[in-house]
PDB file of N, CA and C in Angstrom:
ATOM      1  N   MET A   1     -53.124-112.224  40.410  1.00  0.00           N
ATOM      2  CA  MET A   1     -51.656-111.914  40.464  1.00  0.00           C
ATOM      3  C   MET A   1     -50.957-112.583  39.363  1.00  0.00           C
ATOM      4  N   ALA A   2     -51.407-113.710  39.008  1.00  0.00           N
ATOM      5  CA  ALA A   2     -50.775-114.381  37.813  1.00  0.00           C
ATOM      6  C   ALA A   2     -50.808-113.577  36.568  1.00  0.00           C
ATOM      7  N   ALA A   3     -51.994-113.063  36.386  1.00  0.00           N
ATOM      8  CA  ALA A   3     -52.326-112.177  35.113  1.00  0.00           C
ATOM      9  C   ALA A   3     -51.376-110.996  35.167  1.00  0.00           C
ATOM     10  N   LEU A   4     -51.263-110.399  36.333  1.00  0.00           N
ATOM     11  CA  LEU A   4     -50.325-109.134  36.428  1.00  0.00           C
ATOM     12  C   LEU A   4     -48.891-109.650  35.979  1.00  0.00           C
ATOM     13  N   LEU A   5     -48.424-110.703  36.652  1.00  0.00           N
ATOM     14  CA  LEU A   5     -47.087-111.145  36.270  1.00  0.00           C
ATOM     15  C   LEU A   5     -46.934-111.448  34.846  1.00  0.00           C
ATOM     16  N   GLU A   6     -47.876-112.017  34.260  1.00  0.00           N
ATOM     17  CA  GLU A   6     -47.896-112.376  32.850  1.00  0.00           C
ATOM     18  C   GLU A   6     -47.764-111.075  31.851  1.00  0.00           C
ATOM     19  N   SER A   7     -48.408-109.987  32.307  1.00  0.00           N
ATOM     20  CA  SER A   7     -48.431-108.810  31.552  1.00  0.00           C
ATOM     21  C   SER A   7     -47.209-107.852  31.707  1.00  0.00           C
ATOM     22  N   MET A   8     -46.315-108.196  32.678  1.00  0.00           N
ATOM     23  CA  MET A   8     -45.127-107.327  32.855  1.00  0.00           C
ATOM     24  C   MET A   8     -44.064-107.536  31.769  1.00  0.00           C
ATOM     25  N   SER A   9     -43.355-106.594  31.410  1.00  0.00           N
ATOM     26  CA  SER A   9     -42.171-106.854  30.531  1.00  0.00           C
ATOM     27  C   SER A   9     -41.082-107.458  31.361  1.00  0.00           C
ATOM     28  N   ASP A  10     -40.128-108.158  30.542  1.00  0.00           N
ATOM     29  CA  ASP A  10     -39.077-108.880  31.279  1.00  0.00           C
ATOM     30  C   ASP A  10     -38.279-107.946  32.095  1.00  0.00           C
ATOM     31  N   GLN A  11     -37.940-106.740  31.780  1.00  0.00           N
ATOM     32  CA  GLN A  11     -37.308-105.763  32.607  1.00  0.00           C
ATOM     33  C   GLN A  11     -37.932-105.476  33.867  1.00  0.00           C
ATOM     34  N   GLN A  12     -39.324-105.077  33.716  1.00  0.00           N
ATOM     35  CA  GLN A  12     -40.091-104.846  34.948  1.00  0.00           C
ATOM     36  C   GLN A  12     -40.243-106.021  35.894  1.00  0.00           C
ATOM     37  N   TYR A  13     -40.423-107.209  35.237  1.00  0.00           N
ATOM     38  CA  TYR A  13     -40.520-108.509  36.105  1.00  0.00           C
ATOM     39  C   TYR A  13     -39.270-108.550  36.910  1.00  0.00           C
ATOM     40  N   LYS A  14     -38.024-108.429  36.231  1.00  0.00           N
ATOM     41  CA  LYS A  14     -36.790-108.604  36.926  1.00  0.00           C
ATOM     42  C   LYS A  14     -36.668-107.612  38.128  1.00  0.00           C
ATOM     43  N   LYS A  15     -37.059-106.424  37.839  1.00  0.00           N
ATOM     44  CA  LYS A  15     -37.003-105.339  39.002  1.00  0.00           C
ATOM     45  C   LYS A  15     -37.814-105.777  40.127  1.00  0.00           C
ATOM     46  N   VAL A  16     -39.100-106.143  39.870  1.00  0.00           N
ATOM     47  CA  VAL A  16     -40.000-106.547  40.912  1.00  0.00           C
ATOM     48  C   VAL A  16     -39.467-107.777  41.728  1.00  0.00           C
ATOM     49  N   ASP A  17     -38.936-108.736  40.986  1.00  0.00           N
ATOM     50  CA  ASP A  17     -38.483-109.996  41.518  1.00  0.00           C
ATOM     51  C   ASP A  17     -37.225-109.729  42.476  1.00  0.00           C
ATOM     52  N   GLU A  18     -36.392-108.788  41.932  1.00  0.00           N
ATOM     53  CA  GLU A  18     -35.161-108.509  42.673  1.00  0.00           C
ATOM     54  C   GLU A  18     -35.531-107.663  43.924  1.00  0.00           C
ATOM     55  N   ALA A  19     -36.484-106.712  43.914  1.00  0.00           N
ATOM     56  CA  ALA A  19     -36.859-106.026  44.965  1.00  0.00           C
ATOM     57  C   ALA A  19     -37.526-106.949  46.115  1.00  0.00           C
ATOM     58  N   PHE A  20     -38.389-107.918  45.612  1.00  0.00           N
ATOM     59  CA  PHE A  20     -39.062-108.861  46.488  1.00  0.00           C
ATOM     60  C   PHE A  20     -38.042-109.691  47.236  1.00  0.00           C
ATOM     61  N   ARG A  21     -36.988-110.212  46.573  1.00  0.00           N
ATOM     62  CA  ARG A  21     -35.889-110.994  47.142  1.00  0.00           C
ATOM     63  C   ARG A  21     -35.055-110.175  48.118  1.00  0.00           C
ATOM     64  N   ASN A  22     -34.866-108.982  47.857  1.00  0.00           N
ATOM     65  CA  ASN A  22     -33.967-108.166  48.648  1.00  0.00           C
ATOM     66  C   ASN A  22     -34.780-107.732  49.948  1.00  0.00           C
ATOM     67  N   ASN A  23     -36.035-107.737  49.965  1.00  0.00           N
ATOM     68  CA  ASN A  23     -36.790-107.339  51.085  1.00  0.00           C
ATOM     69  C   ASN A  23     -37.652-108.483  51.727  1.00  0.00           C
ATOM     70  N   ILE A  24     -37.314-109.714  51.443  1.00  0.00           N
ATOM     71  CA  ILE A  24     -38.139-110.812  51.901  1.00  0.00           C
ATOM     72  C   ILE A  24     -38.279-110.801  53.440  1.00  0.00           C
ATOM     73  N   ASP A  25     -37.337-110.413  54.168  1.00  0.00           N
ATOM     74  CA  ASP A  25     -37.484-110.312  55.630  1.00  0.00           C
ATOM     75  C   ASP A  25     -38.533-109.370  56.081  1.00  0.00           C
ATOM     76  N   LYS A  26     -38.757-108.297  55.309  1.00  0.00           N
ATOM     77  CA  LYS A  26     -39.885-107.357  55.547  1.00  0.00           C
ATOM     78  C   LYS A  26     -41.203-107.819  55.233  1.00  0.00           C
ATOM     79  N   PHE A  27     -41.134-108.810  54.124  1.00  0.00           N
ATOM     80  CA  PHE A  27     -42.513-109.251  53.665  1.00  0.00           C
ATOM     81  C   PHE A  27     -43.144-110.234  54.606  1.00  0.00           C
ATOM     82  N   VAL A  28     -42.238-111.207  55.064  1.00  0.00           N
ATOM     83  CA  VAL A  28     -42.770-112.334  55.892  1.00  0.00           C
ATOM     84  C   VAL A  28     -43.411-111.726  57.127  1.00  0.00           C
ATOM     85  N   GLY A  29     -44.646-112.013  57.464  1.00  0.00           N
ATOM     86  CA  GLY A  29     -45.373-111.574  58.526  1.00  0.00           C
ATOM     87  C   GLY A  29     -46.187-110.296  58.251  1.00  0.00           C
ATOM     88  N   SER A  30     -46.033-109.704  57.130  1.00  0.00           N
ATOM     89  CA  SER A  30     -46.891-108.479  56.700  1.00  0.00           C
ATOM     90  C   SER A  30     -48.286-108.862  56.342  1.00  0.00           C
ATOM     91  N   ASP A  31     -49.103-107.849  56.234  1.00  0.00           N
ATOM     92  CA  ASP A  31     -50.464-108.065  55.710  1.00  0.00           C
ATOM     93  C   ASP A  31     -50.398-108.608  54.336  1.00  0.00           C
ATOM     94  N   ALA A  32     -49.544-108.175  53.516  1.00  0.00           N
ATOM     95  CA  ALA A  32     -49.486-108.748  52.099  1.00  0.00           C
ATOM     96  C   ALA A  32     -49.109-110.238  52.152  1.00  0.00           C
ATOM     97  N   TYR A  33     -48.239-110.645  53.061  1.00  0.00           N
ATOM     98  CA  TYR A  33     -47.794-111.980  53.241  1.00  0.00           C
ATOM     99  C   TYR A  33     -49.006-112.837  53.508  1.00  0.00           C
ATOM    100  N   ASP A  34     -49.757-112.357  54.519  1.00  0.00           N
ATOM    101  CA  ASP A  34     -50.956-113.019  55.085  1.00  0.00           C
ATOM    102  C   ASP A  34     -51.931-113.224  53.837  1.00  0.00           C
ATOM    103  N   ALA A  35     -52.197-112.146  53.265  1.00  0.00           N
ATOM    104  CA  ALA A  35     -53.160-112.144  52.055  1.00  0.00           C
ATOM    105  C   ALA A  35     -52.667-113.188  50.981  1.00  0.00           C
ATOM    106  N   MET A  36     -51.309-113.207  50.664  1.00  0.00           N
ATOM    107  CA  MET A  36     -50.798-114.093  49.717  1.00  0.00           C
ATOM    108  C   MET A  36     -51.037-115.620  50.131  1.00  0.00           C
ATOM    109  N   ARG A  37     -50.750-115.810  51.485  1.00  0.00           N
ATOM    110  CA  ARG A  37     -51.049-117.251  51.950  1.00  0.00           C
ATOM    111  C   ARG A  37     -52.477-117.552  51.848  1.00  0.00           C
ATOM    112  N   ALA A  38     -53.282-116.630  52.029  1.00  0.00           N
ATOM    113  CA  ALA A  38     -54.781-116.988  51.975  1.00  0.00           C
ATOM    114  C   ALA A  38     -55.155-117.210  50.445  1.00  0.00           C
ATOM    115  N   ASP A  39     -54.554-116.500  49.578  1.00  0.00           N
ATOM    116  CA  ASP A  39     -54.886-116.692  48.122  1.00  0.00           C
ATOM    117  C   ASP A  39     -54.367-118.076  47.694  1.00  0.00           C
ATOM    118  N   ILE A  40     -53.186-118.523  48.238  1.00  0.00           N
ATOM    119  CA  ILE A  40     -52.658-119.781  47.829  1.00  0.00           C
ATOM    120  C   ILE A  40     -53.512-120.949  48.437  1.00  0.00           C
ATOM    121  N   GLU A  41     -54.057-120.663  49.605  1.00  0.00           N
ATOM    122  CA  GLU A  41     -54.888-121.695  50.155  1.00  0.00           C
ATOM    123  C   GLU A  41     -56.244-121.783  49.451  1.00  0.00           C
ATOM    124  N   MET A  42     -56.639-120.636  48.908  1.00  0.00           N
ATOM    125  CA  MET A  42     -57.928-120.683  48.154  1.00  0.00           C
ATOM    126  C   MET A  42     -57.764-121.205  46.679  1.00  0.00           C
ATOM    127  N   PHE A  43     -56.824-120.718  46.076  1.00  0.00           N
ATOM    128  CA  PHE A  43     -56.638-120.906  44.658  1.00  0.00           C
ATOM    129  C   PHE A  43     -55.365-121.803  44.217  1.00  0.00           C
ATOM    130  N   GLY A  44     -54.546-122.200  45.153  1.00  0.00           N
ATOM    131  CA  GLY A  44     -53.418-122.851  44.930  1.00  0.00           C
ATOM    132  C   GLY A  44     -52.183-122.035  44.477  1.00  0.00           C
ATOM    133  N   SER A  45     -51.080-122.740  44.298  1.00  0.00           N
ATOM    134  CA  SER A  45     -49.902-121.989  43.993  1.00  0.00           C
ATOM    135  C   SER A  45     -49.876-121.328  42.526  1.00  0.00           C
ATOM    136  N   ALA A  46     -50.818-121.832  41.724  1.00  0.00           N
ATOM    137  CA  ALA A  46     -50.869-121.239  40.319  1.00  0.00           C
ATOM    138  C   ALA A  46     -51.298-119.735  40.372  1.00  0.00           C
ATOM    139  N   ALA A  47     -51.817-119.289  41.535  1.00  0.00           N
ATOM    140  CA  ALA A  47     -52.195-117.873  41.593  1.00  0.00           C
ATOM    141  C   ALA A  47     -50.835-116.982  41.697  1.00  0.00           C
ATOM    142  N   PHE A  48     -49.734-117.578  41.984  1.00  0.00           N
ATOM    143  CA  PHE A  48     -48.446-116.930  42.075  1.00  0.00           C
ATOM    144  C   PHE A  48     -47.323-117.544  41.330  1.00  0.00           C
ATOM    145  N   LEU A  49     -47.628-118.345  40.372  1.00  0.00           N
ATOM    146  CA  LEU A  49     -46.461-118.823  39.511  1.00  0.00           C
ATOM    147  C   LEU A  49     -45.907-117.777  38.737  1.00  0.00           C
ATOM    148  N   LYS A  50     -44.629-117.906  38.422  1.00  0.00           N
ATOM    149  CA  LYS A  50     -43.928-116.831  37.695  1.00  0.00           C
ATOM    150  C   LYS A  50     -44.696-116.675  36.411  1.00  0.00           C
ATOM    151  N   ARG A  51     -44.121-116.994  35.255  1.00  0.00           N
ATOM    152  CA  ARG A  51     -44.822-116.812  34.028  1.00  0.00           C
ATOM    153  C   ARG A  51     -45.066-118.199  33.339  1.00  0.00           C
ATOM    154  N   ALA A  52     -46.194-118.315  32.906  1.00  0.00           N
ATOM    155  CA  ALA A  52     -46.724-119.610  32.202  1.00  0.00           C
ATOM    156  C   ALA A  52     -45.830-119.893  31.027  1.00  0.00           C
ATOM    157  N   GLN A  53     -45.651-121.164  30.770  1.00  0.00           N
ATOM    158  CA  GLN A  53     -44.806-121.647  29.661  1.00  0.00           C
ATOM    159  C   GLN A  53     -45.420-120.984  28.446  1.00  0.00           C
ATOM    160  N   GLY A  54     -44.691-120.528  27.520  1.00  0.00           N
ATOM    161  CA  GLY A  54     -45.217-119.959  26.303  1.00  0.00           C
ATOM    162  C   GLY A  54     -45.774-118.615  26.370  1.00  0.00           C
ATOM    163  N   SER A  55     -45.502-117.947  27.455  1.00  0.00           N
ATOM    164  CA  SER A  55     -46.078-116.508  27.594  1.00  0.00           C
ATOM    165  C   SER A  55     -45.525-115.575  26.494  1.00  0.00           C
ATOM    166  N   LYS A  56     -46.122-114.497  26.347  1.00  0.00           N
ATOM    167  CA  LYS A  56     -45.748-113.636  25.292  1.00  0.00           C
ATOM    168  C   LYS A  56     -44.354-112.980  25.394  1.00  0.00           C
ATOM    169  N   TYR A  57     -43.793-113.107  26.624  1.00  0.00           N
ATOM    170  CA  TYR A  57     -42.386-112.664  26.887  1.00  0.00           C
ATOM    171  C   TYR A  57     -41.438-113.814  26.832  1.00  0.00           C
ATOM    172  N   GLY A  58     -41.914-115.096  26.704  1.00  0.00           N
ATOM    173  CA  GLY A  58     -40.972-116.108  26.523  1.00  0.00           C
ATOM    174  C   GLY A  58     -40.467-116.743  27.721  1.00  0.00           C
ATOM    175  N   ARG A  59     -40.875-116.296  28.991  1.00  0.00           N
ATOM    176  CA  ARG A  59     -40.391-116.965  30.118  1.00  0.00           C
ATOM    177  C   ARG A  59     -41.097-118.262  30.268  1.00  0.00           C
ATOM    178  N   SER A  60     -40.372-119.203  30.901  1.00  0.00           N
ATOM    179  CA  SER A  60     -40.965-120.546  31.076  1.00  0.00           C
ATOM    180  C   SER A  60     -40.803-120.982  32.488  1.00  0.00           C
ATOM    181  N   ASN A  61     -41.752-121.518  33.172  1.00  0.00           N
ATOM    182  CA  ASN A  61     -41.745-122.033  34.512  1.00  0.00           C
ATOM    183  C   ASN A  61     -40.643-123.255  34.576  1.00  0.00           C
ATOM    184  N   ALA A  62     -40.547-123.917  33.495  1.00  0.00           N
ATOM    185  CA  ALA A  62     -39.619-125.073  33.340  1.00  0.00           C
ATOM    186  C   ALA A  62     -38.178-124.595  33.759  1.00  0.00           C
ATOM    187  N   SER A  63     -37.823-123.479  33.333  1.00  0.00           N
ATOM    188  CA  SER A  63     -36.454-123.007  33.626  1.00  0.00           C
ATOM    189  C   SER A  63     -36.165-122.264  34.895  1.00  0.00           C
ATOM    190  N   GLN A  64     -37.319-122.187  35.687  1.00  0.00           N
ATOM    191  CA  GLN A  64     -37.216-121.417  36.883  1.00  0.00           C
ATOM    192  C   GLN A  64     -36.665-122.252  38.081  1.00  0.00           C
TER     193      GLN A  64
END
């Protein structure tokens, strides 16, 4: 997932982030939510961090 987030353009990332936030009530308790929790348990939160500092699109976790 982290690699996918890293490869998105800033515009696409903003669209995905906005859609996620606008539908969070539908996400919690879904199969995708359960899978994400399992991934975090196995790999830690780094599996779902926004974009790494110094990414090719310039987003930094420090500013999140």
